[in-house]
N, C-alpha and C. Protein backbone atom coordinates (compact mmCIF):
# COMPACT_ATOMS: atom_id res chain seq x y z
N MET A 1 0.95 -1.19 0.01
CA MET A 1 -0.11 -0.29 0.02
C MET A 1 0.96 1.35 0.07
N SER A 2 0.61 2.46 -0.81
CA SER A 2 1.44 3.48 -1.20
C SER A 2 0.95 4.29 -0.17
N ALA A 3 2.13 5.19 0.51
CA ALA A 3 2.04 6.15 1.31
C ALA A 3 0.76 7.59 0.52
N PRO A 4 -0.03 7.94 1.41
CA PRO A 4 -0.91 8.88 1.03
C PRO A 4 0.02 10.19 0.44
N ALA A 5 -0.81 11.18 -0.61
CA ALA A 5 0.21 12.27 -1.30
C ALA A 5 0.21 13.12 -0.22
N ARG A 6 1.23 13.94 -0.52
CA ARG A 6 1.99 14.71 0.53
C ARG A 6 0.82 15.82 0.61
N GLU A 7 0.30 16.27 -0.67
CA GLU A 7 -0.69 17.38 -0.82
C GLU A 7 -1.99 16.91 -1.78
N ILE A 8 -3.02 17.57 -0.90
CA ILE A 8 -4.25 17.10 -1.68
C ILE A 8 -4.66 18.64 -2.23
N LEU A 9 -4.85 18.55 -3.59
CA LEU A 9 -5.47 19.49 -4.56
C LEU A 9 -6.64 19.98 -4.05
N VAL A 10 -7.52 21.35 -4.07
CA VAL A 10 -8.71 21.52 -4.03
C VAL A 10 -8.75 22.68 -4.87
N ASP A 11 -9.02 22.52 -6.56
CA ASP A 11 -9.38 23.44 -7.34
C ASP A 11 -10.57 24.13 -7.19
N ALA A 12 -10.93 25.33 -6.47
CA ALA A 12 -11.92 25.52 -6.39
C ALA A 12 -12.52 26.82 -7.30
N ARG A 13 -11.38 26.95 -8.37
CA ARG A 13 -11.61 28.50 -9.51
C ARG A 13 -12.81 28.29 -9.97
N GLY A 14 -13.59 28.72 -9.99
CA GLY A 14 -14.78 29.34 -10.76
C GLY A 14 -15.99 29.12 -10.08
N LEU A 15 -15.82 28.46 -8.83
CA LEU A 15 -16.96 27.94 -7.58
C LEU A 15 -17.11 29.32 -7.26
N GLU A 16 -18.91 29.55 -6.96
CA GLU A 16 -19.25 30.47 -6.12
C GLU A 16 -19.23 30.35 -4.53
N PRO A 17 -19.01 31.16 -4.07
CA PRO A 17 -19.44 30.88 -2.13
C PRO A 17 -20.77 30.61 -2.13
N PRO A 18 -21.09 29.61 -1.37
CA PRO A 18 -19.91 28.86 -0.24
C PRO A 18 -19.51 27.88 -0.94
N GLU A 19 -19.28 27.37 -1.93
CA GLU A 19 -18.86 26.09 -2.55
C GLU A 19 -17.07 25.71 -2.04
N PRO A 20 -16.39 26.89 -2.35
CA PRO A 20 -14.72 26.93 -2.24
C PRO A 20 -14.94 26.39 -0.41
N MET A 21 -15.22 26.88 0.50
CA MET A 21 -15.38 26.85 1.64
C MET A 21 -15.72 25.55 2.10
N GLU A 22 -16.86 25.61 1.59
CA GLU A 22 -17.50 23.83 1.82
C GLU A 22 -16.26 22.71 1.69
N LYS A 23 -15.74 22.80 0.28
CA LYS A 23 -14.60 21.91 -0.61
C LYS A 23 -13.55 21.89 0.36
N VAL A 24 -12.84 22.94 1.18
CA VAL A 24 -11.97 22.91 1.93
C VAL A 24 -12.52 22.28 3.47
N MET A 25 -13.40 22.69 3.98
CA MET A 25 -13.42 22.28 5.21
C MET A 25 -13.76 20.60 5.15
N THR A 26 -14.34 20.12 4.11
CA THR A 26 -14.33 18.86 4.07
C THR A 26 -13.06 18.46 3.71
N THR A 27 -12.27 18.80 2.99
CA THR A 27 -10.76 18.12 2.87
C THR A 27 -10.30 18.22 4.19
N LEU A 28 -10.22 19.25 4.87
CA LEU A 28 -9.67 19.26 6.15
C LEU A 28 -9.93 18.15 7.11
N GLU A 29 -11.05 17.58 7.05
CA GLU A 29 -11.47 16.37 7.62
C GLU A 29 -10.52 15.15 7.39
N LEU A 30 -10.22 15.23 5.91
CA LEU A 30 -9.39 14.04 5.43
C LEU A 30 -7.72 14.05 5.42
N LEU A 31 -7.30 15.20 5.94
CA LEU A 31 -5.86 15.15 6.15
C LEU A 31 -5.03 14.24 7.15
N ARG A 32 -4.44 13.63 6.79
CA ARG A 32 -3.63 12.47 7.69
C ARG A 32 -2.04 13.42 8.05
N PRO A 33 -1.76 12.85 9.11
CA PRO A 33 -0.24 13.29 9.30
C PRO A 33 0.72 13.93 8.44
N GLY A 34 1.51 15.01 8.23
CA GLY A 34 2.20 15.22 6.91
C GLY A 34 1.73 15.68 5.87
N GLN A 35 0.48 15.98 5.78
CA GLN A 35 -0.30 16.34 4.21
C GLN A 35 -0.61 17.45 4.67
N SER A 36 -0.92 18.26 3.51
CA SER A 36 -1.54 19.74 3.40
C SER A 36 -2.23 19.75 2.33
N ILE A 37 -3.07 20.88 2.30
CA ILE A 37 -4.02 21.11 1.22
C ILE A 37 -3.40 22.26 0.22
N ARG A 38 -3.31 22.04 -1.09
CA ARG A 38 -3.16 23.32 -1.85
C ARG A 38 -4.56 23.58 -2.53
N MET A 39 -4.60 24.95 -2.43
CA MET A 39 -6.27 25.40 -2.47
C MET A 39 -6.03 25.99 -3.70
N LEU A 40 -6.64 26.01 -4.84
CA LEU A 40 -6.48 26.98 -6.08
C LEU A 40 -7.97 27.92 -6.01
N LEU A 41 -8.01 29.26 -6.38
CA LEU A 41 -9.25 30.04 -6.09
C LEU A 41 -8.80 31.24 -7.03
N HIS A 42 -10.04 31.57 -7.36
CA HIS A 42 -9.77 32.73 -8.62
C HIS A 42 -9.94 34.21 -7.76
N ARG A 43 -10.11 33.75 -5.95
CA ARG A 43 -10.22 35.10 -5.37
C ARG A 43 -9.62 34.71 -3.99
N GLU A 44 -8.99 36.10 -3.39
CA GLU A 44 -8.57 35.63 -1.90
C GLU A 44 -9.60 35.30 -1.09
N PRO A 45 -9.52 34.19 -0.37
CA PRO A 45 -10.71 33.71 0.67
C PRO A 45 -10.56 34.23 2.06
N PHE A 46 -10.74 35.66 2.40
CA PHE A 46 -10.36 36.20 3.68
C PHE A 46 -11.02 35.71 4.61
N PRO A 47 -12.29 35.27 4.32
CA PRO A 47 -13.14 34.57 5.72
C PRO A 47 -12.64 33.10 6.30
N LEU A 48 -11.93 32.75 5.01
CA LEU A 48 -11.41 31.36 5.35
C LEU A 48 -10.25 31.48 6.38
N TYR A 49 -9.25 32.39 6.33
CA TYR A 49 -8.51 32.32 7.27
C TYR A 49 -8.62 32.41 8.88
N ALA A 50 -9.74 33.50 9.28
CA ALA A 50 -9.85 33.24 10.33
C ALA A 50 -10.47 31.84 11.02
N ILE A 51 -11.32 31.14 10.15
CA ILE A 51 -11.65 29.56 10.61
C ILE A 51 -10.31 28.57 10.51
N LEU A 52 -9.61 28.96 9.77
CA LEU A 52 -8.44 27.90 9.80
C LEU A 52 -7.68 28.11 11.15
N ALA A 53 -7.48 29.36 11.56
CA ALA A 53 -6.88 29.66 12.73
C ALA A 53 -7.38 29.27 13.79
N GLU A 54 -8.90 29.27 14.08
CA GLU A 54 -9.35 28.84 14.91
C GLU A 54 -9.52 27.24 15.00
N ARG A 55 -9.29 26.67 13.67
CA ARG A 55 -9.20 25.14 14.11
C ARG A 55 -7.86 24.55 13.91
N GLY A 56 -6.75 25.51 14.25
CA GLY A 56 -5.40 25.10 14.31
C GLY A 56 -4.46 24.87 13.35
N TYR A 57 -5.11 25.55 11.92
CA TYR A 57 -4.44 25.43 10.57
C TYR A 57 -3.67 26.77 10.73
N ARG A 58 -2.65 26.53 9.68
CA ARG A 58 -2.10 27.76 9.20
C ARG A 58 -1.79 27.83 7.91
N HIS A 59 -1.82 29.29 7.16
CA HIS A 59 -2.06 29.08 5.60
C HIS A 59 -0.71 29.78 5.08
N ALA A 60 -0.66 29.76 3.67
CA ALA A 60 0.33 30.55 3.16
C ALA A 60 -0.22 30.83 1.67
N THR A 61 -0.66 32.15 1.30
CA THR A 61 -1.23 32.72 0.29
C THR A 61 -0.04 33.46 -0.79
N THR A 62 -0.38 32.66 -2.00
CA THR A 62 0.27 33.55 -3.06
C THR A 62 -0.37 33.68 -4.22
N MET A 63 -0.53 35.08 -4.78
CA MET A 63 -1.23 35.31 -5.57
C MET A 63 -0.13 34.99 -6.92
N GLN A 64 -1.18 34.49 -7.81
CA GLN A 64 -0.29 33.99 -9.07
C GLN A 64 -0.46 35.43 -10.26
N ALA A 65 0.40 34.93 -11.66
CA ALA A 65 0.14 36.14 -12.43
C ALA A 65 -0.82 36.24 -13.21
N ASP A 66 -1.83 35.04 -13.12
CA ASP A 66 -3.32 35.53 -13.89
C ASP A 66 -4.16 36.21 -13.07
N GLY A 67 -3.76 36.28 -11.73
CA GLY A 67 -4.80 37.19 -10.63
C GLY A 67 -5.48 35.92 -9.81
N SER A 68 -5.12 34.59 -10.02
CA SER A 68 -5.72 33.82 -9.45
C SER A 68 -4.64 33.44 -7.78
N TYR A 69 -5.29 32.56 -7.15
CA TYR A 69 -4.42 32.78 -5.69
C TYR A 69 -4.31 31.03 -5.37
N VAL A 70 -3.13 30.80 -4.77
CA VAL A 70 -2.77 29.28 -4.29
C VAL A 70 -2.55 29.82 -2.64
N ILE A 71 -3.37 28.91 -2.07
CA ILE A 71 -3.32 28.64 -0.66
C ILE A 71 -2.79 27.51 -0.17
N LEU A 72 -1.68 27.56 0.43
CA LEU A 72 -1.34 25.95 1.20
C LEU A 72 -1.74 26.13 2.58
N ILE A 73 -2.79 25.06 3.01
CA ILE A 73 -3.13 24.80 4.29
C ILE A 73 -2.47 23.42 4.86
N SER A 74 -2.07 23.69 6.25
CA SER A 74 -1.22 22.55 7.15
C SER A 74 -1.68 22.96 8.73
N PRO A 75 -1.85 21.85 9.17
CA PRO A 75 -1.78 22.10 10.55
C PRO A 75 -0.80 22.91 11.19
N ALA A 76 -1.27 23.67 12.33
CA ALA A 76 -0.22 25.01 12.80
C ALA A 76 0.63 23.86 13.53
N GLY A 77 0.47 22.52 14.13
CA GLY A 77 1.70 22.42 14.69
C GLY A 77 2.71 21.34 14.11
N GLU A 78 2.40 21.34 12.70
CA GLU A 78 3.58 20.69 12.10
C GLU A 78 4.62 21.54 11.76
N SER A 79 5.88 21.19 11.90
CA SER A 79 6.93 22.00 11.34
C SER A 79 7.44 21.75 9.79
N GLY A 80 7.88 22.69 9.32
CA GLY A 80 8.60 22.60 8.02
C GLY A 80 7.72 22.21 6.80
N GLN A 81 7.71 22.91 5.96
CA GLN A 81 7.02 22.51 4.60
C GLN A 81 7.82 21.31 3.85
N GLY A 82 9.37 21.63 3.91
CA GLY A 82 10.35 20.67 3.31
C GLY A 82 10.30 20.91 1.59
N GLY A 83 10.17 21.99 0.91
CA GLY A 83 10.41 22.15 -0.39
C GLY A 83 10.46 23.41 -0.68
């Protein structure tokens, strides 16, 4: 049996609220130790950041050249992203 992927991709580009939030919240429940979420979104999800912090997750957001965003989400207690 192979190890789970290090990242789970959530491509929420083009979805309207609350779908992106629902997708990422469902995916958070699937995370295994050492995994993170790479969320792709067409707008910056400001409301998501407070929810992540409340639930013990950290995030790093990067705006892409096309104006979309990549948000890396991981448990706050895990050290290092290794890469």
